[in-house]
Amino acid sequence: MQHNDDGSDCEWLPSPLDALYFLPSHPAIPDPLPSPDPWSSPDDLWSPFDQPAFDQPASQDSEPLQLILHDPSEETPDPEPVFPAPVLTRPCFPLPRPCLPVQSPAAPARAIMLLEPLPDRRSSSSPAFLPSKLTLGQKLDIVRRSEAPKHDLDYRSPSELAHMYGKSRSSISKILRPSYVGRLKQLAASGVSTDIRRSTSTLHPELERRIHEYVVRTARGANWRQEVCRYAERVAEELGVEGFKASLNWYHRFIARHSLRSEPAAAARKRRGAWSY
């Protein structure tokens, strides 16, 4: 029986809330683990479960901890909504903006233009310049077309000739100079082949012409090469050409320039070591 504050008697009923547990506020710290003896048996080793800390008696400074039991009759309050924390940071580099394709009728045409090679910066009337040199026959054709009458079908202006042969206007102008045209005509009259592209014979066209005439009218014999070289040196001395030497290399170049044969094939087979075209 218990008594109220006014002195009346009341009966005490046990409640689950009256259950109190006393736990130490500062549990005793166990001793450090001793170093095991390598010569001892496994049964002699100390285990931390031999003397657990919760078996220690409660001290006077321990505080009571009430066990709160949940009553199912009470309504459980709804949990508070949890919102994600706002991200206050931003990436170090800005993200690329998405580029959507523009649907236009000219889009396929622009795509094809990007795949094609870039056009030449020169105008359509400018020629495609060729690195090779013109032959003697091409130079003579340029001179012939430029000297033809304007009403003739073969006539071409310097601009048209530059576009036809793939050369610049300045190159065509150099070929059409009167001094250069005269040397070309003398070289053509000397019997030089029109397929040559470069020749030093333009310095002495008269020497080339006289040697060519001698080779054409002279019968080719066993010592024909020596005869041609001796005649070339004699003509060079008559014309006053200084530093001229009719060597074997000069003979080969002369035959090649004039598209000639040094001697007949039968004579070449008889003479060992003879050169022939």
Protein backbone atom coordinates (compact mmCIF):
# COMPACT_ATOMS: atom_id res chain seq x y z
CA MET A 1 0.00 0.00 0.00
CA GLN A 2 1.10 3.55 -0.70
CA HIS A 3 -0.08 6.86 0.60
CA ASN A 4 -1.01 9.88 -1.43
CA ASP A 5 0.00 13.40 -0.54
CA ASP A 6 -3.34 13.96 1.25
CA GLY A 7 -2.79 10.86 3.40
CA SER A 8 -5.26 8.53 1.63
CA ASP A 9 -4.33 4.98 0.81
CA CYS A 10 -3.84 3.78 -2.80
CA GLU A 11 -2.91 0.48 -4.36
CA TRP A 12 0.31 0.34 -6.40
CA LEU A 13 0.21 -1.51 -9.71
CA PRO A 14 3.41 -2.47 -11.49
CA SER A 15 4.06 -0.74 -14.83
CA PRO A 16 6.58 -1.63 -17.52
CA LEU A 17 7.82 1.93 -17.30
CA ASP A 18 9.06 1.26 -13.82
CA ALA A 19 11.77 -1.05 -15.11
CA LEU A 20 15.09 0.66 -14.57
CA TYR A 21 18.46 -0.45 -15.76
CA PHE A 22 21.60 0.84 -14.23
CA LEU A 23 24.63 0.98 -16.46
CA PRO A 24 27.93 2.52 -15.50
CA SER A 25 28.51 5.99 -16.92
CA HIS A 26 32.21 5.26 -17.20
CA PRO A 27 32.75 1.56 -17.81
CA ALA A 28 35.96 0.10 -16.62
CA ILE A 29 38.65 -0.15 -19.30
CA PRO A 30 39.98 -3.67 -19.55
CA ASP A 31 43.64 -4.32 -19.16
CA PRO A 32 45.70 -4.43 -22.36
CA LEU A 33 46.09 -7.76 -24.01
CA PRO A 34 49.19 -9.55 -22.82
CA SER A 35 51.64 -10.67 -25.47
CA PRO A 36 51.07 -14.36 -26.13
CA ASP A 37 53.79 -16.81 -25.29
CA PRO A 38 54.82 -18.72 -28.40
CA TRP A 39 55.63 -21.80 -26.24
CA SER A 40 52.20 -21.89 -24.52
CA SER A 41 49.24 -24.00 -25.61
CA PRO A 42 46.10 -22.46 -27.18
CA ASP A 43 44.19 -23.13 -23.94
CA ASP A 44 46.55 -20.95 -21.94
CA LEU A 45 46.01 -17.88 -24.15
CA TRP A 46 43.93 -15.12 -22.65
CA SER A 47 40.64 -14.28 -24.35
CA PRO A 48 38.89 -10.91 -24.10
CA PHE A 49 35.60 -12.76 -23.47
CA ASP A 50 36.87 -14.20 -20.20
CA GLN A 51 36.09 -11.00 -18.31
CA PRO A 52 33.70 -8.83 -20.34
CA ALA A 53 33.28 -5.19 -19.44
CA PHE A 54 29.50 -5.42 -18.93
CA ASP A 55 29.99 -7.89 -16.09
CA GLN A 56 31.68 -5.24 -14.02
CA PRO A 57 29.58 -4.00 -11.04
CA ALA A 58 27.92 -0.65 -11.43
CA SER A 59 29.64 2.25 -9.74
CA GLN A 60 27.99 4.90 -7.61
CA ASP A 61 28.34 7.48 -10.40
CA SER A 62 26.23 5.47 -12.82
CA GLU A 63 23.08 7.09 -14.18
CA PRO A 64 19.76 5.22 -14.60
CA LEU A 65 18.59 4.58 -18.15
CA GLN A 66 14.85 4.19 -18.62
CA LEU A 67 13.56 1.64 -21.10
CA ILE A 68 10.83 3.27 -23.14
CA LEU A 69 8.40 0.81 -24.63
CA HIS A 70 6.25 1.70 -27.63
CA ASP A 71 2.50 1.60 -27.10
CA PRO A 72 0.77 0.28 -30.27
CA SER A 73 -2.43 2.15 -29.40
CA GLU A 74 -0.75 5.47 -29.94
CA GLU A 75 -0.73 6.94 -33.44
CA THR A 76 2.63 7.15 -35.10
CA PRO A 77 3.25 10.65 -36.43
CA ASP A 78 4.17 10.98 -40.09
CA PRO A 79 7.87 11.47 -40.64
CA GLU A 80 8.92 14.88 -41.77
CA PRO A 81 9.67 15.10 -45.49
CA VAL A 82 13.34 15.11 -46.30
CA PHE A 83 14.41 17.41 -49.13
CA PRO A 84 17.78 17.00 -50.85
CA ALA A 85 20.30 19.62 -50.01
CA PRO A 86 20.83 22.15 -52.80
CA VAL A 87 24.04 21.80 -54.80
CA LEU A 88 25.91 25.04 -54.34
CA THR A 89 28.93 24.07 -56.43
CA ARG A 90 29.33 24.15 -60.20
CA PRO A 91 31.70 22.25 -62.48
CA CYS A 92 35.11 23.67 -63.25
CA PHE A 93 34.44 23.72 -66.99
CA PRO A 94 31.12 24.76 -68.53
CA LEU A 95 29.19 21.95 -70.14
CA PRO A 96 28.74 22.24 -73.93
CA ARG A 97 25.38 23.41 -75.06
CA PRO A 98 23.54 20.93 -77.26
CA CYS A 99 23.39 21.95 -80.90
CA LEU A 100 20.28 20.75 -82.65
CA PRO A 101 20.41 20.37 -86.46
CA VAL A 102 18.49 22.96 -88.36
CA GLN A 103 16.13 21.39 -90.85
CA SER A 104 16.40 23.53 -93.94
CA PRO A 105 16.25 22.63 -97.64
CA ALA A 106 19.78 23.95 -98.18
CA ALA A 107 21.32 21.74 -95.46
CA PRO A 108 22.12 18.74 -97.74
CA ALA A 109 23.69 21.08 -100.29
CA ARG A 110 25.90 22.65 -97.64
CA ALA A 111 26.95 19.21 -96.41
CA ILE A 112 27.98 18.20 -99.94
CA MET A 113 29.95 21.43 -100.32
CA LEU A 114 31.89 20.64 -97.16
CA LEU A 115 32.88 17.22 -98.53
CA GLU A 116 34.09 18.60 -101.85
CA PRO A 117 37.64 20.03 -102.16
CA LEU A 118 38.04 23.76 -102.00
CA PRO A 119 38.09 25.45 -105.41
CA ASP A 120 41.19 27.12 -106.73
CA ARG A 121 41.58 30.75 -105.72
CA ARG A 122 42.46 31.65 -109.28
CA SER A 123 39.69 32.65 -111.60
CA SER A 124 38.23 30.25 -114.12
CA SER A 125 40.03 32.05 -116.95
CA SER A 126 43.47 31.56 -115.38
CA PRO A 127 45.39 28.52 -116.69
CA ALA A 128 46.50 25.51 -114.67
CA PHE A 129 50.26 26.15 -114.51
CA LEU A 130 52.39 23.20 -115.59
CA PRO A 131 55.86 22.66 -114.14
CA SER A 132 57.33 21.11 -117.32
CA LYS A 133 59.17 23.15 -119.92
CA LEU A 134 57.82 23.68 -123.40
CA THR A 135 59.40 21.86 -126.30
CA LEU A 136 60.85 23.60 -129.32
CA GLY A 137 57.83 22.56 -131.38
CA GLN A 138 55.41 24.08 -128.83
CA LYS A 139 57.35 27.35 -128.80
CA LEU A 140 57.32 27.47 -132.59
CA ASP A 141 53.56 26.85 -132.54
CA ILE A 142 53.10 29.76 -130.11
CA VAL A 143 55.05 32.01 -132.47
CA ARG A 144 53.07 30.79 -135.49
CA ARG A 145 49.67 31.38 -133.85
CA SER A 146 50.62 34.82 -132.57
CA GLU A 147 51.90 35.92 -136.03
CA ALA A 148 48.84 34.60 -137.88
CA PRO A 149 46.24 37.14 -139.12
CA LYS A 150 43.54 37.97 -136.62
CA HIS A 151 40.78 36.76 -138.94
CA ASP A 152 42.54 33.38 -139.26
CA LEU A 153 41.25 30.45 -137.22
CA ASP A 154 44.76 29.66 -135.95
CA TYR A 155 45.26 33.10 -134.41
CA ARG A 156 45.45 33.23 -130.64
CA SER A 157 46.07 36.16 -128.32
CA PRO A 158 48.78 35.94 -125.62
CA SER A 159 46.12 35.32 -122.95
CA GLU A 160 44.60 32.49 -124.97
CA LEU A 161 48.05 30.99 -125.60
CA ALA A 162 48.82 31.10 -121.87
CA HIS A 163 45.58 29.28 -121.13
CA MET A 164 46.18 26.76 -123.95
CA TYR A 165 49.69 25.72 -122.88
CA GLY A 166 49.23 26.12 -119.12
CA LYS A 167 51.76 28.90 -118.71
CA SER A 168 51.65 32.36 -117.25
CA ARG A 169 51.19 35.46 -119.36
CA SER A 170 54.75 36.59 -118.60
CA SER A 171 56.21 33.30 -119.94
CA ILE A 172 54.33 33.71 -123.21
CA SER A 173 55.51 37.31 -123.47
CA LYS A 174 59.16 36.20 -123.13
CA ILE A 175 58.73 33.66 -125.93
CA LEU A 176 57.18 36.31 -128.21
CA ARG A 177 60.09 38.73 -127.84
CA PRO A 178 61.62 39.49 -131.28
CA SER A 179 65.13 38.45 -130.22
CA TYR A 180 63.91 35.13 -128.82
CA VAL A 181 61.72 34.48 -131.87
CA GLY A 182 64.73 34.99 -134.14
CA ARG A 183 66.81 32.45 -132.22
CA LEU A 184 63.97 29.92 -132.32
CA LYS A 185 63.69 30.24 -136.09
CA GLN A 186 67.43 29.87 -136.56
CA LEU A 187 67.46 26.80 -134.34
CA ALA A 188 64.59 25.25 -136.28
CA ALA A 189 66.41 25.94 -139.55
CA SER A 190 69.52 24.19 -138.24
CA GLY A 191 67.67 20.88 -138.25
CA VAL A 192 67.31 20.44 -134.48
CA SER A 193 64.54 18.08 -133.39
CA THR A 194 61.39 19.83 -132.26
CA ASP A 195 61.03 17.47 -129.27
CA ILE A 196 63.91 18.95 -127.30
CA ARG A 197 63.05 21.11 -124.30
CA ARG A 198 66.41 22.66 -123.52
CA SER A 199 69.49 23.04 -125.68
CA THR A 200 72.67 25.09 -125.64
CA SER A 201 72.77 25.08 -129.42
CA THR A 202 70.80 28.33 -129.46
CA LEU A 203 74.11 30.09 -128.77
CA HIS A 204 75.57 28.93 -132.12
CA PRO A 205 72.71 28.14 -134.50
CA GLU A 206 74.90 28.62 -137.60
CA LEU A 207 77.36 25.99 -136.35
CA GLU A 208 74.52 23.55 -135.74
CA ARG A 209 73.08 24.18 -139.20
CA ARG A 210 76.33 23.57 -141.09
CA ILE A 211 77.16 20.40 -139.13
CA HIS A 212 73.63 19.11 -139.70
CA GLU A 213 73.92 19.64 -143.45
CA TYR A 214 77.26 17.85 -143.49
CA VAL A 215 75.88 14.84 -141.60
CA VAL A 216 72.87 14.58 -143.93
CA ARG A 217 74.82 14.68 -147.19
CA THR A 218 77.84 12.62 -146.07
CA ALA A 219 77.83 8.83 -146.35
CA ARG A 220 78.33 7.06 -143.05
CA GLY A 221 81.48 5.00 -143.02
CA ALA A 222 83.65 3.20 -140.50
CA ASN A 223 85.26 6.38 -139.16
CA TRP A 224 82.20 8.55 -139.55
CA ARG A 225 82.15 9.80 -135.94
CA GLN A 226 85.75 11.04 -136.14
CA GLU A 227 85.00 12.77 -139.44
CA VAL A 228 82.00 14.60 -137.95
CA CYS A 229 84.03 15.77 -134.95
CA ARG A 230 86.91 17.03 -137.14
CA TYR A 231 84.46 18.89 -139.40
CA ALA A 232 82.73 20.46 -136.38
CA GLU A 233 86.02 21.79 -134.99
CA ARG A 234 86.97 23.20 -138.40
CA VAL A 235 83.64 25.01 -138.79
CA ALA A 236 83.82 26.36 -135.23
CA GLU A 237 87.25 27.79 -135.99
CA GLU A 238 85.93 29.43 -139.17
CA LEU A 239 83.00 31.00 -137.30
CA GLY A 240 85.21 32.18 -134.46
CA VAL A 241 83.50 30.10 -131.75
CA GLU A 242 85.84 30.08 -128.76
CA GLY A 243 86.09 27.16 -126.31
CA PHE A 244 84.37 24.67 -128.60
CA LYS A 245 85.52 21.05 -128.40
CA ALA A 246 83.96 18.25 -130.44
CA SER A 247 84.23 15.49 -127.85
CA LEU A 248 82.42 12.16 -127.66
CA ASN A 249 79.76 13.62 -125.33
CA TRP A 250 79.16 16.51 -127.71
CA TYR A 251 78.76 14.04 -130.57
CA HIS A 252 76.12 12.03 -128.66
CA ARG A 253 74.19 15.17 -127.72
CA PHE A 254 74.32 16.46 -131.29
CA ILE A 255 72.94 13.20 -132.70
CA ALA A 256 70.17 13.23 -130.07
CA ARG A 257 69.25 16.87 -130.73
CA HIS A 258 68.88 16.28 -134.44
CA SER A 259 67.27 12.83 -134.15
CA LEU A 260 69.96 11.24 -136.33
CA ARG A 261 71.66 7.88 -136.41
CA SER A 262 75.40 7.69 -136.01
CA GLU A 263 75.90 4.86 -138.53
CA PRO A 264 73.96 1.98 -140.06
CA ALA A 265 73.08 -0.96 -137.85
CA ALA A 266 75.17 -3.40 -139.93
CA ALA A 267 78.28 -1.24 -139.55
CA ALA A 268 77.59 -0.86 -135.85
CA ARG A 269 77.46 -4.62 -135.37
CA LYS A 270 80.78 -5.05 -137.19
CA ARG A 271 82.54 -2.39 -135.14
CA ARG A 272 82.73 -3.44 -131.52
CA GLY A 273 82.06 -0.64 -129.11
CA ALA A 274 80.44 1.64 -131.67
CA TRP A 275 77.53 3.78 -130.45
CA SER A 276 74.31 3.95 -132.43
CA TYR A 277 70.76 5.19 -131.95
